[in-house]
PDB file of N, CA and C in Angstrom:
ATOM      1  N   MET A   1      30.707   1.632  -4.735  1.00  0.00           N
ATOM      2  CA  MET A   1      29.391   1.115  -4.387  1.00  0.00           C
ATOM      3  C   MET A   1      28.338   2.196  -4.578  1.00  0.00           C
ATOM      4  N   SER A   2      27.166   1.778  -5.024  1.00  0.00           N
ATOM      5  CA  SER A   2      26.077   2.719  -5.220  1.00  0.00           C
ATOM      6  C   SER A   2      25.427   3.060  -3.882  1.00  0.00           C
ATOM      7  N   ASP A   3      24.684   4.167  -3.864  1.00  0.00           N
ATOM      8  CA  ASP A   3      23.956   4.550  -2.654  1.00  0.00           C
ATOM      9  C   ASP A   3      22.934   3.490  -2.271  1.00  0.00           C
ATOM     10  N   ALA A   4      22.299   2.881  -3.281  1.00  0.00           N
ATOM     11  CA  ALA A   4      21.296   1.849  -3.011  1.00  0.00           C
ATOM     12  C   ALA A   4      21.951   0.661  -2.313  1.00  0.00           C
ATOM     13  N   PHE A   5      23.124   0.258  -2.795  1.00  0.00           N
ATOM     14  CA  PHE A   5      23.811  -0.868  -2.176  1.00  0.00           C
ATOM     15  C   PHE A   5      24.185  -0.547  -0.736  1.00  0.00           C
ATOM     16  N   LYS A   6      24.715   0.663  -0.517  1.00  0.00           N
ATOM     17  CA  LYS A   6      25.105   1.068   0.840  1.00  0.00           C
ATOM     18  C   LYS A   6      23.904   1.057   1.781  1.00  0.00           C
ATOM     19  N   SER A   7      22.758   1.511   1.290  1.00  0.00           N
ATOM     20  CA  SER A   7      21.544   1.534   2.103  1.00  0.00           C
ATOM     21  C   SER A   7      21.089   0.120   2.445  1.00  0.00           C
ATOM     22  N   ILE A   8      21.112  -0.762   1.464  1.00  0.00           N
ATOM     23  CA  ILE A   8      20.725  -2.161   1.689  1.00  0.00           C
ATOM     24  C   ILE A   8      21.702  -2.820   2.649  1.00  0.00           C
ATOM     25  N   GLU A   9      22.982  -2.572   2.444  1.00  0.00           N
ATOM     26  CA  GLU A   9      24.001  -3.148   3.323  1.00  0.00           C
ATOM     27  C   GLU A   9      23.805  -2.687   4.767  1.00  0.00           C
ATOM     28  N   GLN A  10      23.536  -1.401   4.963  1.00  0.00           N
ATOM     29  CA  GLN A  10      23.310  -0.862   6.301  1.00  0.00           C
ATOM     30  C   GLN A  10      22.078  -1.511   6.937  1.00  0.00           C
ATOM     31  N   GLY A  11      21.014  -1.663   6.160  1.00  0.00           N
ATOM     32  CA  GLY A  11      19.805  -2.298   6.665  1.00  0.00           C
ATOM     33  C   GLY A  11      20.054  -3.733   7.098  1.00  0.00           C
ATOM     34  N   LEU A  12      20.839  -4.458   6.319  1.00  0.00           N
ATOM     35  CA  LEU A  12      21.163  -5.845   6.673  1.00  0.00           C
ATOM     36  C   LEU A  12      21.996  -5.907   7.949  1.00  0.00           C
ATOM     37  N   LYS A  13      22.950  -4.996   8.090  1.00  0.00           N
ATOM     38  CA  LYS A  13      23.767  -4.966   9.306  1.00  0.00           C
ATOM     39  C   LYS A  13      22.899  -4.689  10.532  1.00  0.00           C
ATOM     40  N   GLU A  14      21.959  -3.755  10.394  1.00  0.00           N
ATOM     41  CA  GLU A  14      21.058  -3.448  11.507  1.00  0.00           C
ATOM     42  C   GLU A  14      20.178  -4.642  11.846  1.00  0.00           C
ATOM     43  N   ALA A  15      19.692  -5.335  10.827  1.00  0.00           N
ATOM     44  CA  ALA A  15      18.843  -6.511  11.053  1.00  0.00           C
ATOM     45  C   ALA A  15      19.608  -7.615  11.767  1.00  0.00           C
ATOM     46  N   ILE A  16      20.846  -7.839  11.361  1.00  0.00           N
ATOM     47  CA  ILE A  16      21.668  -8.870  11.999  1.00  0.00           C
ATOM     48  C   ILE A  16      21.947  -8.489  13.458  1.00  0.00           C
ATOM     49  N   ALA A  17      22.290  -7.227  13.699  1.00  0.00           N
ATOM     50  CA  ALA A  17      22.548  -6.767  15.070  1.00  0.00           C
ATOM     51  C   ALA A  17      21.304  -6.934  15.936  1.00  0.00           C
ATOM     52  N   HIS A  18      20.153  -6.594  15.392  1.00  0.00           N
ATOM     53  CA  HIS A  18      18.902  -6.732  16.146  1.00  0.00           C
ATOM     54  C   HIS A  18      18.614  -8.198  16.451  1.00  0.00           C
ATOM     55  N   ALA A  19      18.819  -9.067  15.473  1.00  0.00           N
ATOM     56  CA  ALA A  19      18.571 -10.498  15.660  1.00  0.00           C
ATOM     57  C   ALA A  19      19.489 -11.089  16.730  1.00  0.00           C
ATOM     58  N   ARG A  20      20.671 -10.515  16.865  1.00  0.00           N
ATOM     59  CA  ARG A  20      21.630 -11.004  17.869  1.00  0.00           C
ATOM     60  C   ARG A  20      21.411 -10.336  19.230  1.00  0.00           C
ATOM     61  N   GLY A  21      20.355  -9.536  19.333  1.00  0.00           N
ATOM     62  CA  GLY A  21      20.058  -8.872  20.608  1.00  0.00           C
ATOM     63  C   GLY A  21      20.861  -7.607  20.818  1.00  0.00           C
ATOM     64  N   GLY A  22      21.403  -7.091  19.765  1.00  0.00           N
ATOM     65  CA  GLY A  22      22.225  -5.891  19.847  1.00  0.00           C
ATOM     66  C   GLY A  22      21.410  -4.625  19.962  1.00  0.00           C
ATOM     67  N   GLU A  23      21.911  -3.598  19.353  1.00  0.00           N
ATOM     68  CA  GLU A  23      21.313  -2.274  19.472  1.00  0.00           C
ATOM     69  C   GLU A  23      19.840  -2.254  19.072  1.00  0.00           C
ATOM     70  N   ALA A  24      19.129  -1.328  19.692  1.00  0.00           N
ATOM     71  CA  ALA A  24      17.698  -1.180  19.407  1.00  0.00           C
ATOM     72  C   ALA A  24      17.500  -0.642  17.992  1.00  0.00           C
ATOM     73  N   VAL A  25      16.471  -1.097  17.365  1.00  0.00           N
ATOM     74  CA  VAL A  25      16.138  -0.680  16.008  1.00  0.00           C
ATOM     75  C   VAL A  25      14.860   0.137  16.069  1.00  0.00           C
ATOM     76  N   THR A  26      14.818   1.214  15.300  1.00  0.00           N
ATOM     77  CA  THR A  26      13.621   2.031  15.247  1.00  0.00           C
ATOM     78  C   THR A  26      12.596   1.362  14.350  1.00  0.00           C
ATOM     79  N   ILE A  27      11.404   1.185  14.879  1.00  0.00           N
ATOM     80  CA  ILE A  27      10.320   0.593  14.106  1.00  0.00           C
ATOM     81  C   ILE A  27       9.268   1.671  13.897  1.00  0.00           C
ATOM     82  N   HIS A  28       8.916   1.892  12.650  1.00  0.00           N
ATOM     83  CA  HIS A  28       7.912   2.903  12.316  1.00  0.00           C
ATOM     84  C   HIS A  28       6.572   2.220  12.126  1.00  0.00           C
ATOM     85  N   GLU A  29       5.597   2.640  12.912  1.00  0.00           N
ATOM     86  CA  GLU A  29       4.252   2.096  12.765  1.00  0.00           C
ATOM     87  C   GLU A  29       3.330   3.207  12.307  1.00  0.00           C
ATOM     88  N   ILE A  30       2.501   2.886  11.345  1.00  0.00           N
ATOM     89  CA  ILE A  30       1.553   3.859  10.806  1.00  0.00           C
ATOM     90  C   ILE A  30       0.161   3.292  10.977  1.00  0.00           C
ATOM     91  N   ASP A  31      -0.714   4.086  11.564  1.00  0.00           N
ATOM     92  CA  ASP A  31      -2.097   3.656  11.735  1.00  0.00           C
ATOM     93  C   ASP A  31      -2.844   3.921  10.437  1.00  0.00           C
ATOM     94  N   ILE A  32      -3.357   2.873   9.833  1.00  0.00           N
ATOM     95  CA  ILE A  32      -4.092   3.007   8.581  1.00  0.00           C
ATOM     96  C   ILE A  32      -5.564   2.763   8.875  1.00  0.00           C
ATOM     97  N   PRO A  33      -6.397   3.776   8.653  1.00  0.00           N
ATOM     98  CA  PRO A  33      -7.826   3.621   8.960  1.00  0.00           C
ATOM     99  C   PRO A  33      -8.499   2.624   8.016  1.00  0.00           C
ATOM    100  N   ASP A  34      -9.628   2.082   8.481  1.00  0.00           N
ATOM    101  CA  ASP A  34     -10.415   1.211   7.607  1.00  0.00           C
ATOM    102  C   ASP A  34     -10.864   2.016   6.390  1.00  0.00           C
ATOM    103  N   ALA A  35     -10.844   1.379   5.247  1.00  0.00           N
ATOM    104  CA  ALA A  35     -11.152   2.064   3.996  1.00  0.00           C
ATOM    105  C   ALA A  35     -12.610   1.895   3.595  1.00  0.00           C
ATOM    106  N   ASP A  36     -13.232   2.984   3.179  1.00  0.00           N
ATOM    107  CA  ASP A  36     -14.544   2.913   2.535  1.00  0.00           C
ATOM    108  C   ASP A  36     -14.249   2.803   1.043  1.00  0.00           C
ATOM    109  N   VAL A  37     -14.064   1.581   0.600  1.00  0.00           N
ATOM    110  CA  VAL A  37     -13.575   1.323  -0.755  1.00  0.00           C
ATOM    111  C   VAL A  37     -14.496   1.903  -1.813  1.00  0.00           C
ATOM    112  N   GLN A  38     -15.790   1.774  -1.616  1.00  0.00           N
ATOM    113  CA  GLN A  38     -16.734   2.291  -2.608  1.00  0.00           C
ATOM    114  C   GLN A  38     -16.600   3.808  -2.743  1.00  0.00           C
ATOM    115  N   ALA A  39     -16.458   4.512  -1.631  1.00  0.00           N
ATOM    116  CA  ALA A  39     -16.309   5.972  -1.670  1.00  0.00           C
ATOM    117  C   ALA A  39     -14.981   6.371  -2.303  1.00  0.00           C
ATOM    118  N   ILE A  40     -13.935   5.627  -1.981  1.00  0.00           N
ATOM    119  CA  ILE A  40     -12.619   5.927  -2.558  1.00  0.00           C
ATOM    120  C   ILE A  40     -12.669   5.759  -4.073  1.00  0.00           C
ATOM    121  N   ARG A  41     -13.247   4.638  -4.534  1.00  0.00           N
ATOM    122  CA  ARG A  41     -13.341   4.406  -5.977  1.00  0.00           C
ATOM    123  C   ARG A  41     -14.178   5.479  -6.650  1.00  0.00           C
ATOM    124  N   ALA A  42     -15.279   5.872  -6.013  1.00  0.00           N
ATOM    125  CA  ALA A  42     -16.159   6.891  -6.594  1.00  0.00           C
ATOM    126  C   ALA A  42     -15.399   8.204  -6.814  1.00  0.00           C
ATOM    127  N   ARG A  43     -14.516   8.547  -5.878  1.00  0.00           N
ATOM    128  CA  ARG A  43     -13.754   9.796  -6.025  1.00  0.00           C
ATOM    129  C   ARG A  43     -12.763   9.736  -7.179  1.00  0.00           C
ATOM    130  N   THR A  44     -12.366   8.531  -7.576  1.00  0.00           N
ATOM    131  CA  THR A  44     -11.438   8.425  -8.707  1.00  0.00           C
ATOM    132  C   THR A  44     -12.155   8.604 -10.037  1.00  0.00           C
ATOM    133  N   GLY A  45     -13.485   8.383 -10.028  1.00  0.00           N
ATOM    134  CA  GLY A  45     -14.247   8.470 -11.271  1.00  0.00           C
ATOM    135  C   GLY A  45     -14.121   7.241 -12.149  1.00  0.00           C
ATOM    136  N   LEU A  46     -13.542   6.176 -11.618  1.00  0.00           N
ATOM    137  CA  LEU A  46     -13.346   4.959 -12.407  1.00  0.00           C
ATOM    138  C   LEU A  46     -14.471   3.963 -12.151  1.00  0.00           C
ATOM    139  N   SER A  47     -14.739   3.149 -13.149  1.00  0.00           N
ATOM    140  CA  SER A  47     -15.699   2.057 -12.976  1.00  0.00           C
ATOM    141  C   SER A  47     -15.057   1.004 -12.069  1.00  0.00           C
ATOM    142  N   GLN A  48     -15.860   0.047 -11.637  1.00  0.00           N
ATOM    143  CA  GLN A  48     -15.307  -1.019 -10.798  1.00  0.00           C
ATOM    144  C   GLN A  48     -14.204  -1.772 -11.534  1.00  0.00           C
ATOM    145  N   ALA A  49     -14.454  -2.109 -12.798  1.00  0.00           N
ATOM    146  CA  ALA A  49     -13.458  -2.853 -13.569  1.00  0.00           C
ATOM    147  C   ALA A  49     -12.176  -2.036 -13.749  1.00  0.00           C
ATOM    148  N   GLU A  50     -12.320  -0.758 -14.059  1.00  0.00           N
ATOM    149  CA  GLU A  50     -11.146   0.098 -14.252  1.00  0.00           C
ATOM    150  C   GLU A  50     -10.357   0.258 -12.955  1.00  0.00           C
ATOM    151  N   PHE A  51     -11.072   0.489 -11.864  1.00  0.00           N
ATOM    152  CA  PHE A  51     -10.402   0.682 -10.577  1.00  0.00           C
ATOM    153  C   PHE A  51      -9.675  -0.591 -10.145  1.00  0.00           C
ATOM    154  N   ALA A  52     -10.355  -1.724 -10.268  1.00  0.00           N
ATOM    155  CA  ALA A  52      -9.727  -2.994  -9.903  1.00  0.00           C
ATOM    156  C   ALA A  52      -8.453  -3.215 -10.716  1.00  0.00           C
ATOM    157  N   ARG A  53      -8.543  -2.972 -12.006  1.00  0.00           N
ATOM    158  CA  ARG A  53      -7.378  -3.138 -12.875  1.00  0.00           C
ATOM    159  C   ARG A  53      -6.263  -2.174 -12.477  1.00  0.00           C
ATOM    160  N   SER A  54      -6.609  -0.935 -12.106  1.00  0.00           N
ATOM    161  CA  SER A  54      -5.603   0.073 -11.784  1.00  0.00           C
ATOM    162  C   SER A  54      -4.841  -0.235 -10.502  1.00  0.00           C
ATOM    163  N   ILE A  55      -5.451  -1.000  -9.589  1.00  0.00           N
ATOM    164  CA  ILE A  55      -4.756  -1.334  -8.345  1.00  0.00           C
ATOM    165  C   ILE A  55      -4.300  -2.796  -8.304  1.00  0.00           C
ATOM    166  N   GLY A  56      -4.514  -3.509  -9.396  1.00  0.00           N
ATOM    167  CA  GLY A  56      -3.987  -4.866  -9.516  1.00  0.00           C
ATOM    168  C   GLY A  56      -4.737  -5.936  -8.745  1.00  0.00           C
ATOM    169  N   VAL A  57      -6.073  -5.767  -8.639  1.00  0.00           N
ATOM    170  CA  VAL A  57      -6.876  -6.815  -8.001  1.00  0.00           C
ATOM    171  C   VAL A  57      -7.982  -7.249  -8.962  1.00  0.00           C
ATOM    172  N   LYS A  58      -8.547  -8.403  -8.680  1.00  0.00           N
ATOM    173  CA  LYS A  58      -9.661  -8.872  -9.493  1.00  0.00           C
ATOM    174  C   LYS A  58     -10.903  -8.051  -9.161  1.00  0.00           C
ATOM    175  N   LYS A  59     -11.781  -7.923 -10.151  1.00  0.00           N
ATOM    176  CA  LYS A  59     -13.025  -7.185  -9.932  1.00  0.00           C
ATOM    177  C   LYS A  59     -13.832  -7.820  -8.803  1.00  0.00           C
ATOM    178  N   ALA A  60     -13.824  -9.138  -8.724  1.00  0.00           N
ATOM    179  CA  ALA A  60     -14.559  -9.833  -7.657  1.00  0.00           C
ATOM    180  C   ALA A  60     -14.029  -9.438  -6.275  1.00  0.00           C
ATOM    181  N   THR A  61     -12.728  -9.250  -6.174  1.00  0.00           N
ATOM    182  CA  THR A  61     -12.127  -8.818  -4.905  1.00  0.00           C
ATOM    183  C   THR A  61     -12.638  -7.433  -4.549  1.00  0.00           C
ATOM    184  N   LEU A  62     -12.625  -6.540  -5.526  1.00  0.00           N
ATOM    185  CA  LEU A  62     -13.124  -5.187  -5.300  1.00  0.00           C
ATOM    186  C   LEU A  62     -14.585  -5.203  -4.864  1.00  0.00           C
ATOM    187  N   LEU A  63     -15.398  -6.012  -5.531  1.00  0.00           N
ATOM    188  CA  LEU A  63     -16.818  -6.117  -5.168  1.00  0.00           C
ATOM    189  C   LEU A  63     -16.978  -6.582  -3.722  1.00  0.00           C
ATOM    190  N   ASN A  64     -16.195  -7.560  -3.324  1.00  0.00           N
ATOM    191  CA  ASN A  64     -16.250  -8.039  -1.935  1.00  0.00           C
ATOM    192  C   ASN A  64     -15.880  -6.940  -0.949  1.00  0.00           C
ATOM    193  N   TRP A  65     -14.886  -6.129  -1.301  1.00  0.00           N
ATOM    194  CA  TRP A  65     -14.504  -5.014  -0.431  1.00  0.00           C
ATOM    195  C   TRP A  65     -15.624  -3.982  -0.359  1.00  0.00           C
ATOM    196  N   GLU A  66     -16.160  -3.630  -1.528  1.00  0.00           N
ATOM    197  CA  GLU A  66     -17.198  -2.596  -1.568  1.00  0.00           C
ATOM    198  C   GLU A  66     -18.455  -3.039  -0.826  1.00  0.00           C
ATOM    199  N   GLN A  67     -18.768  -4.303  -0.878  1.00  0.00           N
ATOM    200  CA  GLN A  67     -19.968  -4.817  -0.206  1.00  0.00           C
ATOM    201  C   GLN A  67     -19.662  -5.285   1.217  1.00  0.00           C
ATOM    202  N   ARG A  68     -18.448  -5.027   1.667  1.00  0.00           N
ATOM    203  CA  ARG A  68     -17.988  -5.312   3.031  1.00  0.00           C
ATOM    204  C   ARG A  68     -18.090  -6.782   3.436  1.00  0.00           C
ATOM    205  N   ARG A  69     -18.027  -7.658   2.437  1.00  0.00           N
ATOM    206  CA  ARG A  69     -17.961  -9.095   2.743  1.00  0.00           C
ATOM    207  C   ARG A  69     -16.539  -9.473   3.159  1.00  0.00           C
ATOM    208  N   ARG A  70     -15.592  -8.720   2.656  1.00  0.00           N
ATOM    209  CA  ARG A  70     -14.175  -8.880   2.998  1.00  0.00           C
ATOM    210  C   ARG A  70     -13.576  -7.485   3.154  1.00  0.00           C
ATOM    211  N   ALA A  71     -12.421  -7.436   3.800  1.00  0.00           N
ATOM    212  CA  ALA A  71     -11.739  -6.155   3.999  1.00  0.00           C
ATOM    213  C   ALA A  71     -10.326  -6.235   3.424  1.00  0.00           C
ATOM    214  N   PRO A  72      -9.886  -5.179   2.776  1.00  0.00           N
ATOM    215  CA  PRO A  72      -8.509  -5.174   2.265  1.00  0.00           C
ATOM    216  C   PRO A  72      -7.531  -5.200   3.437  1.00  0.00           C
ATOM    217  N   ASP A  73      -6.372  -5.814   3.220  1.00  0.00           N
ATOM    218  CA  ASP A  73      -5.359  -5.795   4.257  1.00  0.00           C
ATOM    219  C   ASP A  73      -3.986  -5.616   3.627  1.00  0.00           C
ATOM    220  N   GLY A  74      -2.993  -5.469   4.455  1.00  0.00           N
ATOM    221  CA  GLY A  74      -1.613  -5.345   3.993  1.00  0.00           C
ATOM    222  C   GLY A  74      -1.413  -4.210   3.004  1.00  0.00           C
ATOM    223  N   PRO A  75      -0.672  -4.483   1.931  1.00  0.00           N
ATOM    224  CA  PRO A  75      -0.363  -3.453   0.941  1.00  0.00           C
ATOM    225  C   PRO A  75      -1.612  -2.828   0.307  1.00  0.00           C
ATOM    226  N   ALA A  76      -2.682  -3.602   0.171  1.00  0.00           N
ATOM    227  CA  ALA A  76      -3.911  -3.058  -0.418  1.00  0.00           C
ATOM    228  C   ALA A  76      -4.476  -1.937   0.460  1.00  0.00           C
ATOM    229  N   ARG A  77      -4.423  -2.111   1.778  1.00  0.00           N
ATOM    230  CA  ARG A  77      -4.895  -1.061   2.699  1.00  0.00           C
ATOM    231  C   ARG A  77      -4.076   0.205   2.557  1.00  0.00           C
ATOM    232  N   VAL A  78      -2.765   0.032   2.424  1.00  0.00           N
ATOM    233  CA  VAL A  78      -1.883   1.192   2.266  1.00  0.00           C
ATOM    234  C   VAL A  78      -2.193   1.899   0.955  1.00  0.00           C
ATOM    235  N   LEU A  79      -2.310   1.130  -0.122  1.00  0.00           N
ATOM    236  CA  LEU A  79      -2.607   1.721  -1.427  1.00  0.00           C
ATOM    237  C   LEU A  79      -3.942   2.463  -1.397  1.00  0.00           C
ATOM    238  N   LEU A  80      -4.948   1.877  -0.800  1.00  0.00           N
ATOM    239  CA  LEU A  80      -6.257   2.532  -0.717  1.00  0.00           C
ATOM    240  C   LEU A  80      -6.189   3.802   0.130  1.00  0.00           C
ATOM    241  N   ALA A  81      -5.388   3.801   1.187  1.00  0.00           N
ATOM    242  CA  ALA A  81      -5.222   5.005   2.005  1.00  0.00           C
ATOM    243  C   ALA A  81      -4.571   6.116   1.191  1.00  0.00           C
ATOM    244  N   LEU A  82      -3.607   5.761   0.351  1.00  0.00           N
ATOM    245  CA  LEU A  82      -2.971   6.750  -0.514  1.00  0.00           C
ATOM    246  C   LEU A  82      -3.970   7.316  -1.527  1.00  0.00           C
ATOM    247  N   ILE A  83      -4.738   6.432  -2.134  1.00  0.00           N
ATOM    248  CA  ILE A  83      -5.736   6.871  -3.117  1.00  0.00           C
ATOM    249  C   ILE A  83      -6.805   7.726  -2.444  1.00  0.00           C
ATOM    250  N   ASP A  84      -7.141   7.402  -1.203  1.00  0.00           N
ATOM    251  CA  ASP A  84      -8.119   8.192  -0.458  1.00  0.00           C
ATOM    252  C   ASP A  84      -7.630   9.633  -0.295  1.00  0.00           C
ATOM    253  N   LYS A  85      -6.331   9.801  -0.045  1.00  0.00           N
ATOM    254  CA  LYS A  85      -5.750  11.145   0.120  1.00  0.00           C
ATOM    255  C   LYS A  85      -5.566  11.858  -1.216  1.00  0.00           C
ATOM    256  N   ASP A  86      -5.275  11.092  -2.269  1.00  0.00           N
ATOM    257  CA  ASP A  86      -4.985  11.665  -3.586  1.00  0.00           C
ATOM    258  C   ASP A  86      -5.529  10.719  -4.655  1.00  0.00           C
ATOM    259  N   PRO A  87      -6.805  10.904  -5.068  1.00  0.00           N
ATOM    260  CA  PRO A  87      -7.465   9.961  -5.978  1.00  0.00           C
ATOM    261  C   PRO A  87      -6.755   9.692  -7.304  1.00  0.00           C
ATOM    262  N   SER A  88      -5.900  10.583  -7.749  1.00  0.00           N
ATOM    263  CA  SER A  88      -5.232  10.355  -9.041  1.00  0.00           C
ATOM    264  C   SER A  88      -3.798   9.865  -8.884  1.00  0.00           C
ATOM    265  N   ILE A  89      -3.400   9.498  -7.667  1.00  0.00           N
ATOM    266  CA  ILE A  89      -1.993   9.125  -7.429  1.00  0.00           C
ATOM    267  C   ILE A  89      -1.518   7.955  -8.280  1.00  0.00           C
ATOM    268  N   VAL A  90      -2.357   6.945  -8.452  1.00  0.00           N
ATOM    269  CA  VAL A  90      -1.936   5.767  -9.222  1.00  0.00           C
ATOM    270  C   VAL A  90      -1.745   6.137 -10.692  1.00  0.00           C
ATOM    271  N   GLN A  91      -2.734   6.786 -11.278  1.00  0.00           N
ATOM    272  CA  GLN A  91      -2.635   7.143 -12.702  1.00  0.00           C
ATOM    273  C   GLN A  91      -1.464   8.098 -12.940  1.00  0.00           C
ATOM    274  N   ARG A  92      -1.282   9.061 -12.077  1.00  0.00           N
ATOM    275  CA  ARG A  92      -0.213  10.045 -12.234  1.00  0.00           C
ATOM    276  C   ARG A  92       1.155   9.404 -12.058  1.00  0.00           C
ATOM    277  N   THR A  93       1.281   8.543 -11.078  1.00  0.00           N
ATOM    278  CA  THR A  93       2.561   7.933 -10.770  1.00  0.00           C
ATOM    279  C   THR A  93       2.980   6.896 -11.805  1.00  0.00           C
ATOM    280  N   LEU A  94       2.018   6.121 -12.305  1.00  0.00           N
ATOM    281  CA  LEU A  94       2.340   5.044 -13.228  1.00  0.00           C
ATOM    282  C   LEU A  94       2.170   5.416 -14.703  1.00  0.00           C
ATOM    283  N   ALA A  95       1.755   6.628 -14.974  1.00  0.00           N
ATOM    284  CA  ALA A  95       1.566   7.045 -16.376  1.00  0.00           C
ATOM    285  C   ALA A  95       2.881   6.925 -17.132  1.00  0.00           C
ATOM    286  N   GLY A  96       2.804   6.308 -18.290  1.00  0.00           N
ATOM    287  CA  GLY A  96       4.005   6.048 -19.085  1.00  0.00           C
ATOM    288  C   GLY A  96       4.515   7.258 -19.762  1.00  0.00           C
TER     289      GLY A  96
END
């Protein structure tokens, strides 16, 4: 068995035990601050269209975030927090 399979198998066993009221499971919570999307994008040096494309959202979505009509949530918040800490993380990580 591969290490990945063993890890997945262990996770499933822990989930089943937790669901049955068994042993306590460690839950990791991370506080993600509200994102200033316009400032984050500006630090990347990308246009709105380029930035939206680089993070996999529509330009209209990005505009709504930048103008604070809507707020990013879930994975988008995490991704923006990462970009806030390291503006070139997406390009560097996904570069072919």
